[in-house]
């Protein structure tokens, strides 16, 4: 039951990103991609899953941030689309924009963290840490913790009704304290004294806003994904799926609630399905952490390899170049791996 719920969420969220990639022009400057190609959102989800490790000291699976950063560095060369917040995080180029960031990849990162864990304390702490990797936005922090809570509750307690979830969310935000943030203080990427206002006061003020929202008071232009998610839960039997509306999270939630996969027109679908099974194994504690640990990372230059050459990569494992060519100002290499085909792009040397 849980594995099918996980699968329905991830497959529908991924399909939305296939549609979104085609319609919104998230494509990079190289206008070349495979059939049913998804955007960087799915790529970020995948690398987040690969960065999860069973914890010896915590009850559950946590992000290995050394692995996470190495995955992101590699992602810069194969990404489909551009996300400023992630690029800034990779380059450690944080500015005051950090406090206002609405980085959409957070959806793709908190979903695997939540699905892979059965302990809420672990989920909450890891979710906060990962949000802070690219954004210190208080509204985003509180809203996305509640989105994570919705996903956690639906997966763990299948009989939870809308009203049960709503009341649990209220208690979660009421009990969300400064202490929760202090436990993750080292994960802020900017000093709090660079925030334009008093961070503590704004945190409490935003808590009041979100509690008011949960009590039915209309808060204009705030908490839109939470609003839509609650509507999906409330109207689950009559909710009409619309391909052009929503986002990664809400489309995944619709799939989970309705118990169906909208479409299988997804690149590397077998690999995506295998990730769903892998998350279930992580969740049940069936993955040996030693099999995932990478002691050191070599800076392998993928572009030095020519057509048909095979090589080993710390992150991608066994690889083979199946195409290498040039486009205008770029060099392109298509790399076949067990997970699927990656398209790597780099600027030509001047």
Protein backbone atom coordinates (compact mmCIF):
# COMPACT_ATOMS: atom_id res chain seq x y z
CA UNK A 1 0.00 0.00 0.00
CA UNK A 2 2.70 2.50 1.01
CA UNK A 3 4.88 1.63 -1.97
CA UNK A 4 2.00 2.25 -4.38
CA UNK A 5 1.27 5.60 -2.69
CA UNK A 6 4.94 6.58 -3.02
CA UNK A 7 4.94 5.47 -6.65
CA UNK A 8 1.74 7.36 -7.48
CA UNK A 9 3.11 10.57 -5.96
CA UNK A 10 6.49 10.44 -7.69
CA UNK A 11 5.19 9.33 -11.09
CA UNK A 12 2.55 12.06 -11.23
CA UNK A 13 4.94 14.75 -10.00
CA UNK A 14 7.45 13.63 -12.65
CA UNK A 15 4.82 13.66 -15.40
CA UNK A 16 3.89 17.23 -14.45
CA UNK A 17 7.54 18.20 -14.96
CA UNK A 18 7.50 16.60 -18.42
CA UNK A 19 4.56 18.83 -19.33
CA UNK A 20 6.04 21.86 -17.59
CA UNK A 21 9.38 21.46 -19.35
CA UNK A 22 7.67 21.54 -22.74
CA UNK A 23 5.23 24.35 -22.03
CA UNK A 24 7.13 26.84 -19.88
CA UNK A 25 10.43 26.89 -21.66
CA UNK A 26 12.58 25.67 -18.78
CA UNK A 27 14.88 24.37 -21.48
CA UNK A 28 18.54 25.43 -21.37
CA UNK A 29 20.28 27.31 -24.14
CA UNK A 30 20.96 24.05 -25.97
CA UNK A 31 17.57 23.28 -27.53
CA UNK A 32 18.08 19.53 -27.64
CA UNK A 33 16.49 16.94 -25.39
CA UNK A 34 15.02 13.44 -25.37
CA UNK A 35 11.40 12.47 -25.77
CA UNK A 36 9.33 13.00 -22.60
CA UNK A 37 12.23 14.84 -21.00
CA UNK A 38 11.57 16.17 -17.52
CA UNK A 39 12.88 19.44 -16.10
CA UNK A 40 15.55 19.99 -13.46
CA UNK A 41 12.92 19.40 -10.75
CA UNK A 42 13.02 15.64 -11.33
CA UNK A 43 16.80 15.74 -11.59
CA UNK A 44 16.98 17.44 -8.19
CA UNK A 45 14.57 14.88 -6.75
CA UNK A 46 16.73 12.03 -8.05
CA UNK A 47 19.99 13.41 -6.67
CA UNK A 48 18.30 14.05 -3.32
CA UNK A 49 17.20 10.41 -3.18
CA UNK A 50 20.77 9.35 -3.98
CA UNK A 51 22.05 11.55 -1.15
CA UNK A 52 19.90 9.90 1.53
CA UNK A 53 21.78 7.66 3.96
CA UNK A 54 20.49 5.46 6.79
CA UNK A 55 21.58 7.17 10.00
CA UNK A 56 23.41 5.39 12.80
CA UNK A 57 22.39 7.98 15.42
CA UNK A 58 18.98 9.12 14.15
CA UNK A 59 15.85 7.12 13.58
CA UNK A 60 15.66 7.16 9.82
CA UNK A 61 17.44 8.42 6.72
CA UNK A 62 19.27 11.73 6.51
CA UNK A 63 20.95 13.75 3.77
CA UNK A 64 24.68 13.24 3.33
CA UNK A 65 25.55 16.84 2.47
CA UNK A 66 28.97 16.00 1.10
CA UNK A 67 27.31 13.68 -1.41
CA UNK A 68 24.51 16.21 -1.98
CA UNK A 69 26.98 18.94 -2.97
CA UNK A 70 28.94 16.62 -5.27
CA UNK A 71 25.68 15.58 -6.94
CA UNK A 72 24.74 19.23 -7.44
CA UNK A 73 28.15 20.09 -8.91
CA UNK A 74 27.70 17.31 -11.45
CA UNK A 75 24.11 18.38 -12.11
CA UNK A 76 25.31 21.78 -13.37
CA UNK A 77 26.60 20.03 -16.50
CA UNK A 78 23.56 17.88 -17.30
CA UNK A 79 20.68 20.03 -16.02
CA UNK A 80 17.56 20.73 -18.04
CA UNK A 81 16.72 24.28 -17.12
CA UNK A 82 18.15 26.94 -14.84
CA UNK A 83 17.55 27.60 -11.15
CA UNK A 84 19.40 30.57 -9.67
CA UNK A 85 18.98 29.52 -6.04
CA UNK A 86 20.54 26.10 -6.60
CA UNK A 87 23.39 27.54 -8.68
CA UNK A 88 24.11 30.09 -5.93
CA UNK A 89 24.15 27.30 -3.35
CA UNK A 90 26.62 25.26 -5.40
CA UNK A 91 28.88 28.27 -5.87
CA UNK A 92 28.33 29.40 -2.24
CA UNK A 93 27.29 32.75 -3.69
CA UNK A 94 24.73 33.71 -1.07
CA UNK A 95 23.31 37.24 -0.98
CA UNK A 96 20.46 38.93 0.88
CA UNK A 97 18.11 37.45 -1.73
CA UNK A 98 18.48 34.25 0.32
CA UNK A 99 15.94 35.64 2.81
CA UNK A 100 13.28 36.08 0.10
CA UNK A 101 13.97 33.00 -2.01
CA UNK A 102 10.97 30.97 -3.16
CA UNK A 103 13.12 28.22 -4.68
CA UNK A 104 10.74 25.67 -6.23
CA UNK A 105 13.29 22.84 -6.04
CA UNK A 106 12.52 22.62 -2.32
CA UNK A 107 9.42 20.63 -3.30
CA UNK A 108 11.61 18.10 -5.09
CA UNK A 109 13.94 17.84 -2.09
CA UNK A 110 11.51 17.58 0.82
CA UNK A 111 9.38 14.92 -0.89
CA UNK A 112 12.03 12.15 -0.85
CA UNK A 113 13.12 13.13 2.67
CA UNK A 114 9.53 12.71 3.87
CA UNK A 115 8.73 9.55 1.91
CA UNK A 116 11.90 7.79 3.09
CA UNK A 117 11.24 8.29 6.82
CA UNK A 118 8.73 7.00 9.36
CA UNK A 119 9.77 9.24 12.26
CA UNK A 120 8.35 12.78 12.18
CA UNK A 121 11.14 14.28 14.28
CA UNK A 122 13.67 13.09 11.69
CA UNK A 123 11.52 14.32 8.80
CA UNK A 124 11.02 17.74 10.35
CA UNK A 125 14.66 18.31 11.21
CA UNK A 126 15.91 17.12 7.82
CA UNK A 127 13.25 19.16 6.01
CA UNK A 128 14.24 22.36 7.84
CA UNK A 129 17.93 21.74 7.14
CA UNK A 130 17.30 21.20 3.46
CA UNK A 131 15.02 24.20 3.03
CA UNK A 132 17.72 26.38 4.60
CA UNK A 133 20.22 25.12 2.02
CA UNK A 134 18.74 27.52 -0.54
CA UNK A 135 16.25 29.73 1.31
CA UNK A 136 15.85 31.52 4.63
CA UNK A 137 12.36 32.71 3.69
CA UNK A 138 10.20 32.31 6.82
CA UNK A 139 6.91 31.87 4.92
CA UNK A 140 8.47 29.19 2.75
CA UNK A 141 9.98 27.45 5.77
CA UNK A 142 6.71 27.19 7.68
CA UNK A 143 4.55 26.35 4.67
CA UNK A 144 6.87 23.63 3.40
CA UNK A 145 7.20 22.01 6.82
CA UNK A 146 3.40 21.72 6.81
CA UNK A 147 3.43 20.30 3.27
CA UNK A 148 5.90 17.72 4.50
CA UNK A 149 3.58 16.98 7.44
CA UNK A 150 0.64 16.42 5.07
CA UNK A 151 2.66 13.93 3.04
CA UNK A 152 3.91 12.22 6.21
CA UNK A 153 0.39 11.85 7.64
CA UNK A 154 -1.20 10.57 4.42
CA UNK A 155 1.49 7.93 4.02
CA UNK A 156 1.59 6.78 7.64
CA UNK A 157 -2.09 7.01 8.58
CA UNK A 158 -4.23 6.01 5.61
CA UNK A 159 -7.47 6.59 7.56
CA UNK A 160 -6.67 10.21 8.42
CA UNK A 161 -9.44 12.43 7.12
CA UNK A 162 -9.19 16.07 6.07
CA UNK A 163 -10.31 17.41 9.46
CA UNK A 164 -7.76 15.22 11.28
CA UNK A 165 -4.96 16.54 9.10
CA UNK A 166 -6.09 20.14 9.46
CA UNK A 167 -6.13 19.93 13.28
CA UNK A 168 -2.72 18.22 13.29
CA UNK A 169 -1.28 21.00 11.12
CA UNK A 170 -2.61 23.63 13.53
CA UNK A 171 -0.93 21.92 16.46
CA UNK A 172 2.27 21.51 14.48
CA UNK A 173 2.55 25.21 13.73
CA UNK A 174 1.49 26.26 17.24
CA UNK A 175 4.23 24.07 18.72
CA UNK A 176 6.85 25.12 16.13
CA UNK A 177 9.26 27.00 18.36
CA UNK A 178 12.44 29.01 18.11
CA UNK A 179 14.15 25.96 19.64
CA UNK A 180 13.33 23.97 16.50
CA UNK A 181 15.21 26.57 14.47
CA UNK A 182 18.12 26.76 16.91
CA UNK A 183 18.73 23.05 16.40
CA UNK A 184 19.37 23.85 12.74
CA UNK A 185 21.11 27.19 13.28
CA UNK A 186 24.32 26.01 11.62
CA UNK A 187 22.43 25.37 8.38
CA UNK A 188 21.50 28.98 7.71
CA UNK A 189 23.65 30.22 4.84
CA UNK A 190 23.50 33.89 5.89
CA UNK A 191 23.85 35.42 9.37
CA UNK A 192 20.43 36.28 10.79
CA UNK A 193 21.56 39.84 11.42
CA UNK A 194 21.58 40.33 7.62
CA UNK A 195 17.80 39.81 7.58
CA UNK A 196 16.01 43.06 6.79
CA UNK A 197 13.82 42.87 9.92
CA UNK A 198 13.94 41.17 13.31
CA UNK A 199 13.97 37.48 12.38
CA UNK A 200 12.46 36.27 15.65
CA UNK A 201 9.56 38.73 15.49
CA UNK A 202 8.87 37.93 11.83
CA UNK A 203 8.94 34.22 12.59
CA UNK A 204 6.24 34.63 15.26
CA UNK A 205 4.23 36.98 13.03
CA UNK A 206 4.27 34.48 10.18
CA UNK A 207 3.19 31.73 12.56
CA UNK A 208 0.14 33.83 13.43
CA UNK A 209 -0.60 34.33 9.71
CA UNK A 210 -0.47 30.64 8.95
CA UNK A 211 -2.56 29.72 12.02
CA UNK A 212 -5.15 32.28 10.89
CA UNK A 213 -5.09 30.75 7.41
CA UNK A 214 -5.64 27.25 8.85
CA UNK A 215 -8.58 28.65 10.82
CA UNK A 216 -10.23 29.79 7.60
CA UNK A 217 -9.13 33.43 7.43
CA UNK A 218 -8.18 34.41 3.88
CA UNK A 219 -4.53 35.43 3.57
CA UNK A 220 -4.11 36.86 0.08
CA UNK A 221 -1.23 35.60 -2.07
CA UNK A 222 0.24 33.51 0.73
CA UNK A 223 0.60 29.76 1.27
CA UNK A 224 -0.82 28.93 -2.17
CA UNK A 225 0.54 25.39 -2.38
CA UNK A 226 -0.70 24.63 1.12
CA UNK A 227 -4.08 26.09 0.15
CA UNK A 228 -4.33 23.89 -2.95
CA UNK A 229 -3.10 20.81 -1.07
CA UNK A 230 -5.77 21.21 1.60
CA UNK A 231 -8.40 21.68 -1.10
CA UNK A 232 -7.26 18.44 -2.76
CA UNK A 233 -7.61 16.62 0.57
CA UNK A 234 -11.01 18.14 1.33
CA UNK A 235 -12.48 17.51 -2.12
CA UNK A 236 -10.60 14.29 -2.84
CA UNK A 237 -13.62 12.42 -4.21
CA UNK A 238 -14.71 15.15 -6.61
CA UNK A 239 -11.39 16.90 -7.30
CA UNK A 240 -10.83 17.34 -11.03
CA UNK A 241 -7.25 16.88 -12.18
CA UNK A 242 -6.03 19.66 -14.49
CA UNK A 243 -2.72 19.14 -16.22
CA UNK A 244 -1.99 22.83 -16.66
CA UNK A 245 -2.50 23.91 -13.04
CA UNK A 246 -0.61 23.27 -9.83
CA UNK A 247 3.01 22.28 -9.35
CA UNK A 248 5.30 19.33 -8.62
CA UNK A 249 3.89 18.84 -5.12
CA UNK A 250 0.17 19.20 -5.80
CA UNK A 251 0.27 16.94 -8.85
CA UNK A 252 2.07 14.29 -6.82
CA UNK A 253 -0.49 14.63 -4.04
CA UNK A 254 -3.38 14.17 -6.48
CA UNK A 255 -1.80 10.92 -7.67
CA UNK A 256 -1.35 9.71 -4.10
CA UNK A 257 -4.92 10.61 -3.06
CA UNK A 258 -6.64 9.25 -6.16
CA UNK A 259 -4.44 6.16 -6.30
CA UNK A 260 -3.60 6.43 -9.97
CA UNK A 261 -0.85 7.33 -12.40
CA UNK A 262 -2.09 9.94 -14.88
CA UNK A 263 0.41 9.09 -17.63
CA UNK A 264 3.49 6.96 -18.20
CA UNK A 265 4.93 9.30 -20.83
CA UNK A 266 8.04 9.93 -18.74
CA UNK A 267 11.68 9.66 -19.79
CA UNK A 268 13.54 6.70 -18.21
CA UNK A 269 10.30 5.56 -16.61
CA UNK A 270 11.73 2.21 -15.47
CA UNK A 271 14.43 4.01 -13.54
CA UNK A 272 11.90 6.37 -11.94
CA UNK A 273 9.84 3.35 -10.89
CA UNK A 274 12.92 1.67 -9.43
CA UNK A 275 13.54 4.78 -7.33
CA UNK A 276 10.06 4.40 -5.84
CA UNK A 277 10.94 0.86 -4.74
CA UNK A 278 14.28 2.09 -3.44
CA UNK A 279 12.60 4.78 -1.30
CA UNK A 280 10.33 2.10 0.17
CA UNK A 281 13.38 0.00 1.10
CA UNK A 282 15.01 3.04 2.70
CA UNK A 283 11.81 3.69 4.62
CA UNK A 284 11.74 0.11 5.92
CA UNK A 285 15.45 0.12 6.85
CA UNK A 286 16.42 -2.46 4.25
CA UNK A 287 19.39 -0.59 2.75
CA UNK A 288 22.91 -1.17 4.06
CA UNK A 289 24.48 2.29 4.59
CA UNK A 290 27.95 0.93 3.80
CA UNK A 291 26.81 0.17 0.25
CA UNK A 292 26.00 3.88 -0.28
CA UNK A 293 29.01 5.53 1.32
CA UNK A 294 31.59 7.18 -0.95
CA UNK A 295 34.81 7.97 0.91
CA UNK A 296 36.20 10.47 -1.59
CA UNK A 297 35.19 12.02 -4.90
CA UNK A 298 37.47 12.31 -7.91
CA UNK A 299 37.00 15.22 -10.27
CA UNK A 300 36.38 13.13 -13.39
CA UNK A 301 36.33 15.11 -16.64
CA UNK A 302 33.56 13.46 -18.63
CA UNK A 303 34.39 15.52 -21.72
CA UNK A 304 37.85 13.98 -22.08
CA UNK A 305 36.25 10.71 -23.18
CA UNK A 306 35.35 10.11 -26.81
CA UNK A 307 32.57 8.21 -28.54
CA UNK A 308 32.15 4.59 -27.38
CA UNK A 309 34.68 4.93 -24.56
CA UNK A 310 33.69 3.41 -21.21
CA UNK A 311 34.78 4.66 -17.81
CA UNK A 312 33.88 4.55 -14.13
CA UNK A 313 32.51 7.55 -12.24
CA UNK A 314 32.14 7.95 -8.47
CA UNK A 315 28.52 9.09 -8.73
CA UNK A 316 27.32 7.70 -12.08
CA UNK A 317 29.19 4.37 -11.73
CA UNK A 318 29.71 2.56 -15.07
CA UNK A 319 29.44 4.96 -18.01
CA UNK A 320 29.75 4.89 -21.78
CA UNK A 321 29.85 7.77 -24.25
CA UNK A 322 27.16 7.08 -26.86
CA UNK A 323 27.44 10.43 -28.63
CA UNK A 324 29.84 13.38 -28.66
CA UNK A 325 29.48 16.47 -30.81
CA UNK A 326 29.47 20.26 -31.02
CA UNK A 327 26.65 22.80 -31.15
CA UNK A 328 27.53 26.43 -31.77
CA UNK A 329 29.45 27.37 -28.61
CA UNK A 330 29.00 24.04 -26.84
CA UNK A 331 30.37 20.53 -26.58
CA UNK A 332 27.76 17.85 -25.90
CA UNK A 333 28.28 14.32 -24.62
CA UNK A 334 25.52 11.78 -24.16
CA UNK A 335 26.48 9.32 -21.42
CA UNK A 336 24.77 5.97 -20.95
CA UNK A 337 24.53 4.74 -17.35
CA UNK A 338 22.53 2.08 -15.57
CA UNK A 339 20.11 4.82 -14.47
CA UNK A 340 19.55 6.15 -17.99
CA UNK A 341 21.09 8.58 -20.46
CA UNK A 342 22.56 11.90 -19.34
CA UNK A 343 23.21 14.82 -21.67
CA UNK A 344 26.30 16.76 -20.54
CA UNK A 345 26.98 20.23 -21.92
CA UNK A 346 29.93 22.60 -21.57
CA UNK A 347 31.11 25.80 -23.22
CA UNK A 348 33.90 25.47 -25.74
CA UNK A 349 37.26 26.86 -24.71
CA UNK A 350 37.87 30.34 -26.10
